[in-house]
């Protein structure tokens, strides 16, 4: 499928999705949101997809909301705003629940919705000079659509600081609070991403998908309340083809063949 504002490159089980609006710093508008939702919906049904890498064309990952789009919002009614916001919320949910491992490649800046996109990635690698920020309150609005995912990553204490002030912060701080997993020099960004891609490909595809679902089902619940969920999850995976192959490969001291 072709897109106007995304570049999608596929090689085997790896898909590289690049925000491709460098002239406006890869800012989000309703069209970008629609294309990302369409991509994520397709990704949910692609059993051969193993790893996704999100990146941005040009000098930054994403500067957040498009100024022209925000100018249109100023004339929206409450109902128009609800429809618009719900489309964005559905996009973040769709990306967050893609069954494959999603890696964010962050350079330059990830602001507003750009930091939100980082939050729905499973693994985030940032260049050491990258800048982040939940800058919505500086514009008189809220980081509402991204809040469920950001709170899962950074917790309420960091959110009270960063959501309320809207201040920008560096990659080291982003790693400290859990938004980013690895910080590297700009020259080493692609190599670091590739290392995570290789690690991702070594994991069982069905175990990855079910582990992602397990995180959402167990997060915030008391252990006793999810015993049934966790017991059924591991039992189902143990008797699955990949569960059996993984155990057999371990006992035989060989690399498992997930695609066999």
Protein backbone atom coordinates (compact mmCIF):
# COMPACT_ATOMS: atom_id res chain seq x y z
CA UNK A 1 0.00 0.00 0.00
CA UNK A 2 1.21 3.52 -0.78
CA UNK A 3 1.08 6.46 1.62
CA UNK A 4 1.45 10.20 1.14
CA UNK A 5 3.05 11.07 4.47
CA UNK A 6 4.73 7.80 5.44
CA UNK A 7 7.52 5.82 3.85
CA UNK A 8 7.19 2.10 4.52
CA UNK A 9 10.02 -0.26 3.63
CA UNK A 10 9.77 -4.00 4.14
CA UNK A 11 12.56 -6.56 4.24
CA UNK A 12 11.58 -10.00 5.45
CA UNK A 13 9.82 -9.66 8.79
CA UNK A 14 11.16 -6.14 9.40
CA UNK A 15 9.18 -3.03 8.48
CA UNK A 16 10.65 0.46 8.69
CA UNK A 17 8.01 3.19 8.93
CA UNK A 18 9.26 6.75 8.46
CA UNK A 19 7.27 9.89 9.12
CA UNK A 20 7.88 11.75 5.88
CA UNK A 21 6.97 15.43 6.28
CA UNK A 22 10.45 16.89 6.84
CA UNK A 23 9.35 20.34 5.66
CA UNK A 24 7.14 20.63 8.78
CA UNK A 25 9.39 18.60 11.09
CA UNK A 26 7.20 15.51 10.67
CA UNK A 27 4.32 17.16 12.47
CA UNK A 28 1.05 15.34 12.95
CA UNK A 29 -2.20 16.34 11.28
CA UNK A 30 -5.42 14.49 10.53
CA UNK A 31 -3.92 12.93 7.40
CA UNK A 32 -0.83 11.58 9.16
CA UNK A 33 -3.06 10.19 11.91
CA UNK A 34 -5.28 8.50 9.31
CA UNK A 35 -2.31 6.93 7.53
CA UNK A 36 -0.72 5.70 10.75
CA UNK A 37 -4.04 4.17 11.80
CA UNK A 38 -4.38 2.46 8.43
CA UNK A 39 -0.82 1.15 8.69
CA UNK A 40 -1.34 -0.14 12.25
CA UNK A 41 -4.64 -1.82 11.33
CA UNK A 42 -2.87 -3.69 8.53
CA UNK A 43 0.02 -4.57 10.84
CA UNK A 44 -2.38 -6.21 13.28
CA UNK A 45 -3.36 -8.72 10.62
CA UNK A 46 0.16 -9.43 9.32
CA UNK A 47 1.41 -12.62 10.93
CA UNK A 48 4.75 -12.35 9.11
CA UNK A 49 5.59 -8.97 10.68
CA UNK A 50 8.23 -9.41 13.38
CA UNK A 51 9.75 -5.97 14.02
CA UNK A 52 8.76 -2.38 13.25
CA UNK A 53 11.15 0.57 13.34
CA UNK A 54 9.60 4.04 13.54
CA UNK A 55 11.77 6.93 12.38
CA UNK A 56 11.47 10.48 11.08
CA UNK A 57 12.76 11.99 7.84
CA UNK A 58 14.91 15.10 7.97
CA UNK A 59 16.32 16.77 11.06
CA UNK A 60 13.86 15.59 13.73
CA UNK A 61 11.72 12.60 14.64
CA UNK A 62 8.53 14.63 15.13
CA UNK A 63 7.80 18.12 16.41
CA UNK A 64 4.24 17.28 17.47
CA UNK A 65 1.10 18.87 16.05
CA UNK A 66 1.05 20.68 12.72
CA UNK A 67 0.53 24.45 13.08
CA UNK A 68 -1.92 24.59 10.16
CA UNK A 69 -3.93 21.76 11.69
CA UNK A 70 -4.01 23.53 15.04
CA UNK A 71 -5.20 26.71 13.33
CA UNK A 72 -8.18 24.77 11.95
CA UNK A 73 -8.89 23.36 15.42
CA UNK A 74 -9.43 26.88 16.73
CA UNK A 75 -12.71 26.99 14.80
CA UNK A 76 -13.84 23.47 15.74
CA UNK A 77 -16.93 22.93 17.87
CA UNK A 78 -16.73 20.71 20.94
CA UNK A 79 -18.21 17.83 18.90
CA UNK A 80 -15.65 18.41 16.13
CA UNK A 81 -12.86 18.35 18.69
CA UNK A 82 -14.14 15.11 20.20
CA UNK A 83 -14.15 13.43 16.78
CA UNK A 84 -10.69 14.75 15.99
CA UNK A 85 -9.25 13.71 19.37
CA UNK A 86 -10.84 10.28 19.20
CA UNK A 87 -9.16 9.65 15.85
CA UNK A 88 -5.80 10.43 17.45
CA UNK A 89 -6.56 8.26 20.46
CA UNK A 90 -7.50 5.35 18.18
CA UNK A 91 -4.21 5.78 16.31
CA UNK A 92 -2.11 5.56 19.48
CA UNK A 93 -4.11 2.54 20.69
CA UNK A 94 -3.68 0.77 17.36
CA UNK A 95 0.10 1.31 17.36
CA UNK A 96 0.43 0.41 21.04
CA UNK A 97 -1.20 -2.98 20.45
CA UNK A 98 0.61 -4.02 17.25
CA UNK A 99 1.62 -7.63 18.02
CA UNK A 100 5.16 -7.21 16.68
CA UNK A 101 8.02 -5.53 18.55
CA UNK A 102 7.97 -1.79 17.80
CA UNK A 103 11.23 0.16 18.05
CA UNK A 104 11.46 3.95 18.04
CA UNK A 105 14.50 5.56 16.41
CA UNK A 106 14.59 9.08 17.87
CA UNK A 107 16.79 11.86 16.57
CA UNK A 108 16.61 15.63 16.80
CA UNK A 109 13.40 16.12 18.73
CA UNK A 110 10.27 14.26 19.78
CA UNK A 111 7.79 16.79 21.11
CA UNK A 112 4.12 16.52 22.04
CA UNK A 113 2.66 13.73 19.93
CA UNK A 114 6.21 12.82 18.91
CA UNK A 115 6.97 11.91 22.53
CA UNK A 116 3.60 10.16 22.58
CA UNK A 117 4.64 8.05 19.61
CA UNK A 118 7.83 7.15 21.48
CA UNK A 119 5.68 6.07 24.43
CA UNK A 120 3.75 3.52 22.34
CA UNK A 121 6.99 1.97 21.08
CA UNK A 122 8.18 -1.12 22.95
CA UNK A 123 11.82 -0.09 22.72
CA UNK A 124 13.14 3.43 22.17
CA UNK A 125 16.68 4.28 21.05
CA UNK A 126 17.62 7.97 21.06
CA UNK A 127 20.65 9.92 19.94
CA UNK A 128 22.28 11.67 22.87
CA UNK A 129 21.37 15.16 21.64
CA UNK A 130 17.66 14.39 21.15
CA UNK A 131 15.14 16.59 22.96
CA UNK A 132 11.78 15.44 24.33
CA UNK A 133 8.81 17.25 25.76
CA UNK A 134 5.13 16.94 26.57
CA UNK A 135 4.72 20.54 25.53
CA UNK A 136 0.93 20.75 25.29
CA UNK A 137 0.38 22.93 28.36
CA UNK A 138 2.67 25.56 26.84
CA UNK A 139 0.00 25.84 24.12
CA UNK A 140 -2.92 25.87 26.53
CA UNK A 141 -3.97 22.30 25.75
CA UNK A 142 -3.47 18.87 27.33
CA UNK A 143 -1.39 15.73 26.61
CA UNK A 144 -4.66 13.83 26.87
CA UNK A 145 -4.55 11.27 24.04
CA UNK A 146 -1.01 10.17 24.86
CA UNK A 147 -1.44 10.17 28.64
CA UNK A 148 -2.36 6.47 29.15
CA UNK A 149 0.80 5.31 27.40
CA UNK A 150 3.14 7.93 28.81
CA UNK A 151 1.95 7.22 32.36
CA UNK A 152 2.66 3.53 31.84
CA UNK A 153 6.21 4.41 30.84
CA UNK A 154 7.21 7.23 33.19
CA UNK A 155 4.76 7.07 36.12
CA UNK A 156 2.74 9.77 37.84
CA UNK A 157 5.60 11.56 39.58
CA UNK A 158 7.54 12.33 36.38
CA UNK A 159 4.28 13.16 34.61
CA UNK A 160 3.39 15.76 37.25
CA UNK A 161 6.59 17.57 36.46
CA UNK A 162 6.72 17.13 32.69
CA UNK A 163 3.00 17.25 31.83
CA UNK A 164 2.26 20.26 34.01
CA UNK A 165 5.24 22.43 33.12
CA UNK A 166 5.52 21.30 29.50
CA UNK A 167 9.27 21.69 29.81
CA UNK A 168 11.66 20.04 27.41
CA UNK A 169 14.17 17.46 28.59
CA UNK A 170 17.12 15.62 27.14
CA UNK A 171 17.65 11.99 26.20
CA UNK A 172 19.47 11.21 29.44
CA UNK A 173 16.44 12.36 31.43
CA UNK A 174 14.17 10.42 29.08
CA UNK A 175 16.12 7.25 29.81
CA UNK A 176 16.14 7.96 33.54
CA UNK A 177 12.32 8.07 33.65
CA UNK A 178 11.79 5.07 31.36
CA UNK A 179 10.65 6.74 28.15
CA UNK A 180 13.90 5.77 26.39
CA UNK A 181 15.85 2.51 26.70
CA UNK A 182 19.17 3.36 25.10
CA UNK A 183 21.01 6.63 24.43
CA UNK A 184 23.84 6.67 21.91
CA UNK A 185 25.90 9.14 19.87
CA UNK A 186 24.23 10.17 16.61
CA UNK A 187 26.77 8.21 14.58
CA UNK A 188 25.83 5.02 16.43
CA UNK A 189 22.04 5.39 16.26
CA UNK A 190 21.39 2.99 13.39
CA UNK A 191 23.80 0.39 14.74
CA UNK A 192 22.07 0.51 18.12
CA UNK A 193 18.65 0.13 16.48
CA UNK A 194 19.94 -2.81 14.47
CA UNK A 195 21.14 -4.52 17.65
CA UNK A 196 17.64 -4.32 19.08
CA UNK A 197 16.18 -5.55 15.79
CA UNK A 198 18.45 -8.61 15.95
CA UNK A 199 17.40 -9.28 19.55
CA UNK A 200 13.75 -8.93 18.57
CA UNK A 201 14.11 -11.42 15.73
CA UNK A 202 15.53 -14.01 18.11
CA UNK A 203 12.30 -14.11 20.12
CA UNK A 204 9.29 -16.28 19.38
CA UNK A 205 6.71 -14.26 17.40
CA UNK A 206 3.73 -15.71 19.25
CA UNK A 207 5.45 -15.30 22.62
CA UNK A 208 6.11 -11.65 21.77
CA UNK A 209 2.50 -10.98 20.80
CA UNK A 210 1.12 -12.76 23.87
CA UNK A 211 3.64 -11.07 26.17
CA UNK A 212 2.53 -7.66 24.89
CA UNK A 213 -1.08 -8.56 25.61
CA UNK A 214 -0.09 -9.95 29.01
CA UNK A 215 1.51 -6.66 30.05
CA UNK A 216 -1.75 -4.82 29.42
CA UNK A 217 -3.86 -7.46 31.17
CA UNK A 218 -1.66 -7.66 34.28
CA UNK A 219 -0.50 -4.06 34.66
CA UNK A 220 -1.83 -2.46 37.82
CA UNK A 221 -3.72 -5.56 38.96
CA UNK A 222 -3.10 -7.35 42.29
CA UNK A 223 -1.14 -10.59 41.80
CA UNK A 224 -3.88 -12.74 43.29
CA UNK A 225 -6.40 -11.25 40.90
CA UNK A 226 -4.49 -12.26 37.78
CA UNK A 227 -3.35 -15.75 38.77
CA UNK A 228 -5.88 -17.29 36.41
CA UNK A 229 -4.80 -15.06 33.54
CA UNK A 230 -1.09 -15.74 34.03
CA UNK A 231 -1.50 -19.48 34.52
CA UNK A 232 -3.61 -19.82 31.39
CA UNK A 233 -1.20 -17.62 29.40
CA UNK A 234 1.87 -19.73 30.17
CA UNK A 235 0.00 -23.01 29.76
CA UNK A 236 -1.30 -21.94 26.34
CA UNK A 237 2.17 -20.93 25.18
CA UNK A 238 3.86 -24.06 26.55
CA UNK A 239 1.65 -26.34 24.47
CA UNK A 240 1.83 -24.15 21.35
CA UNK A 241 4.04 -25.07 18.40
CA UNK A 242 6.54 -22.32 19.21
CA UNK A 243 6.51 -23.16 22.90
CA UNK A 244 7.31 -26.77 22.10
CA UNK A 245 9.98 -25.76 19.58
CA UNK A 246 11.62 -23.39 22.05
CA UNK A 247 11.82 -26.01 24.77
CA UNK A 248 13.10 -28.65 22.35
CA UNK A 249 15.75 -26.29 20.97
CA UNK A 250 16.88 -25.42 24.51
CA UNK A 251 17.26 -29.08 25.45
CA UNK A 252 19.05 -29.84 22.18
CA UNK A 253 21.30 -26.78 22.57
CA UNK A 254 20.39 -25.28 19.17
CA UNK A 255 18.75 -22.16 17.81
CA UNK A 256 14.96 -22.46 17.61
CA UNK A 257 13.26 -22.37 14.22
CA UNK A 258 10.28 -20.09 14.74
CA UNK A 259 9.24 -19.97 11.12
CA UNK A 260 9.41 -23.71 10.51
